[in-house]
Amino acid sequence: MQVVVFIAKRLVAMVVVLLLVSLLVFSLLMLSPGSILATLLGTQPTTPELIHSLEERYHLNDPFFVQYWNWLVNALHGDFGQSIQSGEDVTTVVADRLPVTLGLAGLALLLVLVIGIPAGMAAGMRRGKPFDRLVTLLTIVGMSAPVFTVGILLIYVFGVRFEIMPVYGAGEGFLGRIEHLTLPAVALATGLTALIVRQTRAATMTVMDQDYITFARARGLSRSRILIPYALRNTALPMVTAAGLMLIGAISGTVIIETVFSLQGVGSLMIESVQAKDIPVVQGLALFIAVLVVVVNLVVDLLALIIDPRIRLSVKG
């Protein structure tokens, strides 16, 4: 019962956060330079019919909170208005760009987990040895290198110098998409991998100093028996938490990477919309990212309950 109450509290907190974010996102339209009508008109020719249509659609003659309520109700039904640049529905515009961004972020996260967790655990189990020092050095380099610099370097080495990887566009089909997104994903995953390696290394070193690990070694258990049931299980919680943050960071980092590799994703759409003052699209993207962040945090909390029995006991207590 206490676990259900815990989840309910998290859901209520998520709803409150999204309401506050939605209010701030809606305020972008009010805070934009110039009049609201001029912002919504963009480069369209001004006609009395168009002005009347916009006033009716966005309830511009109503008080602020009435406008916000109408916008929120429409947003809950997936209606964020129309793009000023293209005239298409914001939902359609975002949905067309979303697969590229999710594919890029997902591939980057996969690289982070496949490389970062084993490297961090191996370094933590060999504390002070040459491998640990090498991994530590590489993580410092990875954390210090800006994302766009790594991207440009990868383009020069693999696209210009050796011409073995595509460096432009998202590709067609599943295999083509993977091939085109590999270099952007590597550039995006470099810094994130360094972070999760350090996180995993620190967690592994803490676990390896525990008494139950010493007792397991004294019993003569093999390294694999110690690694999987003892070390991996007890380092899973910080790794899951870090993985959630990595996913959010990967999606945020696509803004730069998509520009460097000329990918038509949500990140490049955000830059184009801000430059063109396409406020409806910016509102839709900002709210989408906010929903993604709170959902990822909720999933991390639920996974923490499943992984660590101590958290379940503290919730029940």
Protein backbone atom coordinates (compact mmCIF):
# COMPACT_ATOMS: atom_id res chain seq x y z
CA MET A 1 0.00 0.00 0.00
CA GLN A 2 2.80 2.40 0.87
CA VAL A 3 4.43 1.73 -2.49
CA VAL A 4 1.18 2.68 -4.26
CA VAL A 5 1.04 5.90 -2.23
CA PHE A 6 4.67 6.62 -3.16
CA ILE A 7 3.91 6.18 -6.87
CA ALA A 8 0.76 8.31 -6.55
CA LYS A 9 2.77 11.12 -4.95
CA ARG A 10 5.29 10.94 -7.79
CA LEU A 11 2.48 11.16 -10.35
CA VAL A 12 0.92 14.15 -8.60
CA ALA A 13 4.30 15.88 -8.46
CA MET A 14 4.78 15.14 -12.17
CA VAL A 15 1.43 16.73 -13.01
CA VAL A 16 2.23 19.83 -10.93
CA VAL A 17 5.62 20.24 -12.61
CA LEU A 18 4.08 19.88 -16.07
CA LEU A 19 1.41 22.47 -15.24
CA LEU A 20 4.06 24.96 -14.14
CA VAL A 21 6.15 24.25 -17.22
CA SER A 22 3.12 24.60 -19.48
CA LEU A 23 2.37 28.01 -17.95
CA LEU A 24 5.95 29.14 -18.61
CA VAL A 25 5.85 27.71 -22.14
CA PHE A 26 2.58 29.50 -22.91
CA SER A 27 4.07 32.73 -21.58
CA LEU A 28 6.63 32.60 -24.41
CA LEU A 29 3.92 33.89 -26.73
CA MET A 30 3.18 36.82 -24.43
CA LEU A 31 6.86 37.64 -23.85
CA SER A 32 7.86 37.53 -27.52
CA PRO A 33 8.98 40.88 -28.97
CA GLY A 34 6.29 42.95 -30.68
CA SER A 35 2.59 42.22 -30.75
CA ILE A 36 1.19 38.71 -30.49
CA LEU A 37 -0.58 39.09 -33.83
CA ALA A 38 2.65 40.12 -35.56
CA THR A 39 4.38 37.06 -34.11
CA LEU A 40 1.61 34.71 -35.26
CA LEU A 41 1.37 36.30 -38.69
CA GLY A 42 5.06 35.94 -39.42
CA THR A 43 5.64 36.62 -43.12
CA GLN A 44 2.04 35.94 -44.14
CA PRO A 45 0.16 38.77 -45.88
CA THR A 46 -2.02 40.66 -43.42
CA THR A 47 -5.72 40.49 -44.16
CA PRO A 48 -8.74 41.23 -41.92
CA GLU A 49 -9.93 37.66 -42.38
CA LEU A 50 -6.60 36.20 -41.27
CA ILE A 51 -6.40 38.52 -38.25
CA HIS A 52 -9.94 37.57 -37.23
CA SER A 53 -9.09 33.86 -37.66
CA LEU A 54 -6.01 34.15 -35.44
CA GLU A 55 -7.92 36.08 -32.78
CA GLU A 56 -10.58 33.38 -32.73
CA ARG A 57 -8.11 30.49 -32.77
CA TYR A 58 -5.85 31.81 -30.00
CA HIS A 59 -8.56 33.71 -28.05
CA LEU A 60 -6.41 36.84 -28.13
CA ASN A 61 -9.20 39.08 -26.86
CA ASP A 62 -9.67 37.01 -23.68
CA PRO A 63 -7.83 37.52 -20.35
CA PHE A 64 -4.41 35.86 -19.96
CA PHE A 65 -5.49 32.88 -17.86
CA VAL A 66 -8.49 32.24 -20.09
CA GLN A 67 -6.10 32.13 -23.06
CA TYR A 68 -3.81 29.81 -21.13
CA TRP A 69 -6.66 27.48 -20.21
CA ASN A 70 -7.86 27.25 -23.81
CA TRP A 71 -4.29 26.62 -25.02
CA LEU A 72 -3.76 23.95 -22.34
CA VAL A 73 -6.99 22.14 -23.26
CA ASN A 74 -5.99 22.16 -26.92
CA ALA A 75 -2.47 21.00 -26.02
CA LEU A 76 -3.86 18.04 -24.06
CA HIS A 77 -5.64 17.04 -27.27
CA GLY A 78 -2.41 17.35 -29.26
CA ASP A 79 -3.28 20.72 -30.82
CA PHE A 80 -0.44 23.24 -30.41
CA GLY A 81 -1.55 25.47 -33.25
CA GLN A 82 0.06 25.89 -36.63
CA SER A 83 3.67 26.54 -37.56
CA ILE A 84 4.30 30.12 -38.67
CA GLN A 85 6.93 28.96 -41.17
CA SER A 86 5.10 26.11 -42.92
CA GLY A 87 1.46 26.53 -41.92
CA GLU A 88 1.32 22.84 -40.88
CA ASP A 89 0.09 21.64 -37.50
CA VAL A 90 2.84 21.77 -34.87
CA THR A 91 2.17 18.13 -33.94
CA THR A 92 2.76 17.06 -37.55
CA VAL A 93 5.95 19.12 -37.84
CA VAL A 94 7.41 17.66 -34.63
CA ALA A 95 6.32 14.11 -35.46
CA ASP A 96 8.12 14.29 -38.82
CA ARG A 97 11.41 15.24 -37.13
CA LEU A 98 11.10 13.07 -34.02
CA PRO A 99 12.30 9.67 -35.39
CA VAL A 100 15.74 11.06 -36.30
CA THR A 101 16.28 12.57 -32.86
CA LEU A 102 15.03 9.53 -30.97
CA GLY A 103 17.18 7.24 -33.12
CA LEU A 104 20.25 9.40 -32.53
CA ALA A 105 19.65 9.66 -28.77
CA GLY A 106 18.87 5.94 -28.47
CA LEU A 107 22.00 4.90 -30.37
CA ALA A 108 24.13 7.28 -28.30
CA LEU A 109 22.65 5.91 -25.07
CA LEU A 110 23.32 2.35 -26.24
CA LEU A 111 26.98 3.22 -26.88
CA VAL A 112 27.21 4.89 -23.47
CA LEU A 113 25.85 1.85 -21.64
CA VAL A 114 27.72 -0.80 -23.64
CA ILE A 115 31.08 0.98 -23.32
CA GLY A 116 30.76 3.02 -20.14
CA ILE A 117 29.45 0.48 -17.65
CA PRO A 118 31.94 -2.36 -18.37
CA ALA A 119 34.85 0.11 -18.55
CA GLY A 120 33.81 1.78 -15.28
CA MET A 121 33.40 -1.51 -13.46
CA ALA A 122 36.71 -2.86 -14.78
CA ALA A 123 38.51 0.32 -13.69
CA GLY A 124 36.85 0.24 -10.26
CA MET A 125 37.91 -3.37 -9.70
CA ARG A 126 41.50 -2.52 -10.72
CA ARG A 127 41.88 0.64 -8.69
CA GLY A 128 45.34 2.21 -8.99
CA LYS A 129 46.51 -0.16 -11.73
CA PRO A 130 47.58 0.91 -15.24
CA PHE A 131 44.14 0.14 -16.75
CA ASP A 132 42.42 2.28 -14.12
CA ARG A 133 44.81 5.17 -14.79
CA LEU A 134 44.28 4.89 -18.55
CA VAL A 135 40.49 4.90 -18.17
CA THR A 136 40.68 7.89 -15.81
CA LEU A 137 42.82 9.78 -18.33
CA LEU A 138 40.42 9.01 -21.17
CA THR A 139 37.41 10.13 -19.12
CA ILE A 140 39.09 13.46 -18.40
CA VAL A 141 39.73 13.94 -22.12
CA GLY A 142 36.17 12.91 -22.99
CA MET A 143 34.61 15.26 -20.46
CA SER A 144 36.83 18.16 -21.58
CA ALA A 145 36.13 17.85 -25.32
CA PRO A 146 33.15 19.94 -26.55
CA VAL A 147 30.54 17.99 -28.49
CA PHE A 148 30.82 20.07 -31.66
CA THR A 149 34.62 19.72 -31.65
CA VAL A 150 34.37 15.92 -31.45
CA GLY A 151 31.82 15.99 -34.26
CA ILE A 152 34.00 18.08 -36.55
CA LEU A 153 37.01 15.86 -35.80
CA LEU A 154 35.01 12.71 -36.67
CA ILE A 155 33.81 14.32 -39.91
CA TYR A 156 37.37 15.15 -40.92
CA VAL A 157 38.85 11.76 -40.01
CA PHE A 158 36.13 9.35 -41.18
CA GLY A 159 34.39 11.46 -43.82
CA VAL A 160 37.09 13.58 -45.43
CA ARG A 161 40.41 11.89 -44.74
CA PHE A 162 39.46 8.21 -45.15
CA GLU A 163 35.93 8.54 -46.64
CA ILE A 164 34.58 5.45 -44.91
CA MET A 165 31.50 6.88 -43.15
CA PRO A 166 28.70 9.20 -44.31
CA VAL A 167 28.72 12.59 -42.60
CA TYR A 168 25.55 14.18 -43.99
CA GLY A 169 21.86 13.41 -43.61
CA ALA A 170 20.00 10.64 -41.80
CA GLY A 171 19.99 7.94 -44.48
CA GLU A 172 17.19 5.73 -45.80
CA GLY A 173 16.01 2.44 -44.33
CA PHE A 174 17.09 0.82 -41.09
CA LEU A 175 20.69 0.00 -42.05
CA GLY A 176 21.15 3.32 -43.82
CA ARG A 177 19.83 5.17 -40.78
CA ILE A 178 22.25 3.31 -38.49
CA GLU A 179 25.18 4.01 -40.82
CA HIS A 180 24.42 7.73 -41.04
CA LEU A 181 23.75 8.14 -37.31
CA THR A 182 26.86 6.28 -36.14
CA LEU A 183 29.28 9.22 -36.22
CA PRO A 184 26.78 11.68 -34.67
CA ALA A 185 26.02 9.13 -31.96
CA VAL A 186 29.72 8.61 -31.22
CA ALA A 187 30.23 12.38 -30.96
CA LEU A 188 27.21 12.71 -28.68
CA ALA A 189 28.19 9.70 -26.57
CA THR A 190 31.82 10.72 -25.96
CA GLY A 191 31.22 13.10 -23.07
CA LEU A 192 28.30 11.09 -21.69
CA THR A 193 30.37 7.90 -21.68
CA ALA A 194 33.09 9.66 -19.70
CA LEU A 195 30.52 10.72 -17.11
CA ILE A 196 28.98 7.28 -16.67
CA VAL A 197 32.45 5.65 -16.53
CA ARG A 198 33.36 7.88 -13.59
CA GLN A 199 30.00 7.23 -11.94
CA THR A 200 30.28 3.46 -12.38
CA ARG A 201 33.93 3.42 -11.28
CA ALA A 202 33.12 5.28 -8.06
CA ALA A 203 30.15 3.00 -7.32
CA THR A 204 32.22 -0.12 -8.02
CA MET A 205 35.05 1.00 -5.75
CA THR A 206 32.54 1.61 -2.96
CA VAL A 207 30.99 -1.83 -3.41
CA MET A 208 34.35 -3.63 -3.63
CA ASP A 209 35.30 -2.23 -0.20
CA GLN A 210 32.24 -3.75 1.47
CA ASP A 211 32.51 -6.64 3.92
CA TYR A 212 30.33 -9.00 1.89
CA ILE A 213 32.77 -8.74 -1.05
CA THR A 214 35.68 -9.56 1.26
CA PHE A 215 33.71 -12.51 2.66
CA ALA A 216 32.89 -13.72 -0.86
CA ARG A 217 36.55 -13.63 -1.79
CA ALA A 218 37.45 -15.48 1.42
CA ARG A 219 35.01 -18.22 0.44
CA GLY A 220 36.96 -18.66 -2.78
CA LEU A 221 34.24 -17.50 -5.17
CA SER A 222 35.36 -16.85 -8.72
CA ARG A 223 35.63 -13.31 -10.10
CA SER A 224 32.51 -13.80 -12.25
CA ARG A 225 30.50 -14.99 -9.24
CA ILE A 226 31.57 -11.90 -7.31
CA LEU A 227 31.03 -9.55 -10.26
CA ILE A 228 27.47 -10.46 -11.26
CA PRO A 229 25.49 -11.32 -8.09
CA TYR A 230 27.34 -8.96 -5.76
CA ALA A 231 29.11 -6.09 -7.50
CA LEU A 232 26.82 -5.58 -10.51
CA ARG A 233 23.61 -5.82 -8.50
CA ASN A 234 24.75 -3.33 -5.90
CA THR A 235 26.06 -0.83 -8.45
CA ALA A 236 22.89 -1.06 -10.56
CA LEU A 237 21.04 1.71 -8.73
CA PRO A 238 23.51 4.55 -9.40
CA MET A 239 23.96 3.27 -12.95
CA VAL A 240 20.19 3.36 -13.61
CA THR A 241 20.00 6.88 -12.19
CA ALA A 242 22.93 7.96 -14.35
CA ALA A 243 21.40 6.28 -17.42
CA GLY A 244 18.22 8.33 -17.00
CA LEU A 245 20.25 11.53 -16.84
CA MET A 246 22.28 10.36 -19.83
CA LEU A 247 19.12 9.92 -21.92
CA ILE A 248 17.98 13.44 -21.08
CA GLY A 249 21.46 14.77 -21.82
CA ALA A 250 21.58 12.88 -25.12
CA ILE A 251 18.32 14.42 -26.31
CA SER A 252 19.46 17.89 -25.22
CA GLY A 253 22.80 17.42 -26.98
CA THR A 254 21.11 16.67 -30.30
CA VAL A 255 20.58 20.42 -30.77
CA ILE A 256 24.30 20.85 -31.51
CA ILE A 257 25.00 17.48 -33.13
CA GLU A 258 22.12 17.71 -35.61
CA THR A 259 23.44 21.08 -36.76
CA VAL A 260 27.00 19.78 -37.19
CA PHE A 261 25.91 16.70 -39.19
CA SER A 262 23.00 18.40 -41.04
CA LEU A 263 20.36 16.11 -39.55
CA GLN A 264 16.71 17.07 -39.84
CA GLY A 265 15.66 16.27 -36.29
CA VAL A 266 13.99 17.97 -33.37
CA GLY A 267 17.22 19.72 -32.32
CA SER A 268 17.70 21.47 -35.67
CA LEU A 269 13.96 22.21 -35.72
CA MET A 270 14.31 24.02 -32.39
CA ILE A 271 17.12 26.21 -33.75
CA GLU A 272 15.20 26.97 -36.94
CA SER A 273 12.04 27.82 -34.99
CA VAL A 274 13.86 30.13 -32.57
CA GLN A 275 15.59 31.94 -35.43
CA ALA A 276 12.29 32.34 -37.30
CA LYS A 277 10.39 33.26 -34.10
CA ASP A 278 8.02 30.36 -34.77
CA ILE A 279 6.57 30.50 -31.26
CA PRO A 280 3.94 27.72 -31.63
CA VAL A 281 6.64 25.20 -32.66
CA VAL A 282 8.95 26.36 -29.85
CA GLN A 283 6.09 25.93 -27.38
CA GLY A 284 5.34 22.42 -28.61
CA LEU A 285 9.00 21.36 -28.49
CA ALA A 286 9.56 22.84 -25.03
CA LEU A 287 6.54 21.05 -23.61
CA PHE A 288 7.54 17.78 -25.29
CA ILE A 289 11.02 17.94 -23.73
CA ALA A 290 9.49 18.73 -20.32
CA VAL A 291 7.18 15.71 -20.58
CA LEU A 292 10.13 13.53 -21.57
CA VAL A 293 12.21 14.70 -18.61
CA VAL A 294 9.51 14.04 -16.00
CA VAL A 295 8.63 10.66 -17.53
CA VAL A 296 12.28 9.57 -17.49
CA ASN A 297 12.58 10.65 -13.85
CA LEU A 298 9.44 8.70 -12.98
CA VAL A 299 10.77 5.57 -14.72
CA VAL A 300 14.08 5.92 -12.83
CA ASP A 301 12.20 6.15 -9.51
CA LEU A 302 10.19 3.02 -10.35
CA LEU A 303 13.30 1.11 -11.41
CA ALA A 304 14.97 2.13 -8.15
CA LEU A 305 12.06 0.55 -6.25
CA ILE A 306 12.46 -2.66 -8.22
CA ILE A 307 16.25 -2.87 -8.01
CA ASP A 308 16.98 -1.87 -4.41
CA PRO A 309 14.94 -3.56 -1.64
CA ARG A 310 16.26 -0.96 0.83
CA ILE A 311 14.28 1.74 -0.95
CA ARG A 312 11.13 -0.38 -0.81
CA LEU A 313 11.66 -0.88 2.93
CA SER A 314 12.19 2.85 3.49
CA VAL A 315 9.00 3.61 1.55
CA LYS A 316 7.03 1.05 3.57
CA GLY A 317 8.53 2.43 6.78
